[in-house]
Amino acid sequence: MKVSNSIKALKKRHASCKVVRRKGRTYVINKTNPRYKARQG
């Protein structure tokens, strides 16, 4: 899982990337290709 400052850059990496907020952190999840997982913060 990557930790990144910019969520905007992570969101555009793949078509099926979704931005999810959990426990005060912002996560990018991708069901079809899990290597795009990332979080901010």
N, C-alpha and C. Protein backbone atom coordinates (compact mmCIF):
# COMPACT_ATOMS: atom_id res chain seq x y z
N MET A 1 0.84 -1.18 0.00
CA MET A 1 0.00 0.00 0.00
C MET A 1 0.88 1.24 0.00
N LYS A 2 0.59 2.16 -0.90
CA LYS A 2 1.34 3.40 -0.99
C LYS A 2 0.71 4.45 -0.09
N VAL A 3 1.56 5.29 0.50
CA VAL A 3 1.09 6.45 1.25
C VAL A 3 1.45 7.67 0.43
N SER A 4 0.45 8.49 0.13
CA SER A 4 0.68 9.61 -0.78
C SER A 4 0.07 10.89 -0.23
N ASN A 5 0.66 12.01 -0.65
CA ASN A 5 0.11 13.32 -0.27
C ASN A 5 -1.09 13.68 -1.13
N SER A 6 -1.00 13.35 -2.41
CA SER A 6 -2.04 13.76 -3.35
C SER A 6 -2.96 12.60 -3.67
N ILE A 7 -4.22 12.74 -3.33
CA ILE A 7 -5.21 11.72 -3.64
C ILE A 7 -5.66 11.85 -5.10
N LYS A 8 -5.58 13.05 -5.62
CA LYS A 8 -6.03 13.29 -7.00
C LYS A 8 -5.21 12.50 -8.00
N ALA A 9 -3.91 12.41 -7.77
CA ALA A 9 -3.04 11.65 -8.67
C ALA A 9 -3.33 10.16 -8.59
N LEU A 10 -3.64 9.69 -7.40
CA LEU A 10 -3.90 8.26 -7.22
C LEU A 10 -5.22 7.83 -7.84
N LYS A 11 -6.19 8.74 -7.81
CA LYS A 11 -7.52 8.42 -8.30
C LYS A 11 -7.52 8.18 -9.80
N LYS A 12 -6.62 8.87 -10.51
CA LYS A 12 -6.62 8.81 -11.97
C LYS A 12 -5.78 7.67 -12.53
N ARG A 13 -5.23 6.82 -11.64
CA ARG A 13 -4.33 5.79 -12.13
C ARG A 13 -5.03 4.66 -12.88
N HIS A 14 -6.26 4.37 -12.49
CA HIS A 14 -6.98 3.25 -13.08
C HIS A 14 -8.46 3.58 -13.09
N ALA A 15 -9.19 2.96 -14.00
CA ALA A 15 -10.62 3.30 -14.16
C ALA A 15 -11.45 2.86 -12.96
N SER A 16 -11.07 1.75 -12.31
CA SER A 16 -11.91 1.21 -11.24
C SER A 16 -11.40 1.59 -9.85
N CYS A 17 -10.59 2.63 -9.75
CA CYS A 17 -10.14 3.12 -8.44
C CYS A 17 -11.27 3.88 -7.76
N LYS A 18 -11.49 3.58 -6.48
CA LYS A 18 -12.51 4.30 -5.71
C LYS A 18 -11.87 4.92 -4.48
N VAL A 19 -12.33 6.12 -4.13
CA VAL A 19 -11.85 6.82 -2.95
C VAL A 19 -12.82 6.57 -1.80
N VAL A 20 -12.30 6.06 -0.69
CA VAL A 20 -13.12 5.68 0.46
C VAL A 20 -12.54 6.33 1.71
N ARG A 21 -13.42 6.86 2.58
CA ARG A 21 -12.95 7.41 3.86
C ARG A 21 -13.27 6.45 4.98
N ARG A 22 -12.23 6.03 5.71
CA ARG A 22 -12.41 5.14 6.86
C ARG A 22 -11.56 5.63 8.01
N LYS A 23 -12.18 5.80 9.17
CA LYS A 23 -11.48 6.16 10.40
C LYS A 23 -10.61 7.40 10.22
N GLY A 24 -11.13 8.40 9.50
CA GLY A 24 -10.41 9.65 9.34
C GLY A 24 -9.30 9.62 8.31
N ARG A 25 -9.12 8.49 7.64
CA ARG A 25 -8.09 8.40 6.61
C ARG A 25 -8.77 8.19 5.26
N THR A 26 -8.09 8.64 4.22
CA THR A 26 -8.63 8.50 2.88
C THR A 26 -7.89 7.37 2.17
N TYR A 27 -8.64 6.39 1.69
CA TYR A 27 -8.05 5.24 1.03
C TYR A 27 -8.47 5.19 -0.43
N VAL A 28 -7.59 4.66 -1.28
CA VAL A 28 -7.95 4.36 -2.65
C VAL A 28 -7.96 2.84 -2.76
N ILE A 29 -9.11 2.27 -3.13
CA ILE A 29 -9.21 0.83 -3.26
C ILE A 29 -9.54 0.47 -4.70
N ASN A 30 -9.10 -0.70 -5.11
CA ASN A 30 -9.33 -1.17 -6.46
C ASN A 30 -9.54 -2.68 -6.40
N LYS A 31 -10.76 -3.11 -6.70
CA LYS A 31 -11.08 -4.54 -6.61
C LYS A 31 -10.43 -5.35 -7.72
N THR A 32 -10.39 -4.77 -8.92
CA THR A 32 -9.89 -5.54 -10.06
C THR A 32 -8.38 -5.66 -10.06
N ASN A 33 -7.69 -4.62 -9.55
CA ASN A 33 -6.23 -4.65 -9.53
C ASN A 33 -5.73 -4.11 -8.19
N PRO A 34 -5.54 -5.00 -7.18
CA PRO A 34 -5.25 -4.56 -5.81
C PRO A 34 -3.89 -3.87 -5.65
N ARG A 35 -3.06 -3.87 -6.68
CA ARG A 35 -1.77 -3.20 -6.51
C ARG A 35 -1.88 -1.68 -6.50
N TYR A 36 -3.06 -1.16 -6.83
CA TYR A 36 -3.29 0.29 -6.81
C TYR A 36 -3.78 0.80 -5.46
N LYS A 37 -3.76 -0.07 -4.45
CA LYS A 37 -4.21 0.36 -3.12
C LYS A 37 -3.31 1.46 -2.58
N ALA A 38 -3.92 2.46 -1.96
CA ALA A 38 -3.13 3.56 -1.40
C ALA A 38 -3.91 4.22 -0.29
N ARG A 39 -3.18 4.99 0.52
CA ARG A 39 -3.86 5.78 1.54
C ARG A 39 -3.19 7.13 1.67
N GLN A 40 -3.94 8.09 2.22
CA GLN A 40 -3.42 9.43 2.43
C GLN A 40 -3.38 9.71 3.92
N GLY A 41 -2.28 10.36 4.35
CA GLY A 41 -2.21 10.73 5.76
C GLY A 41 -1.17 9.96 6.55
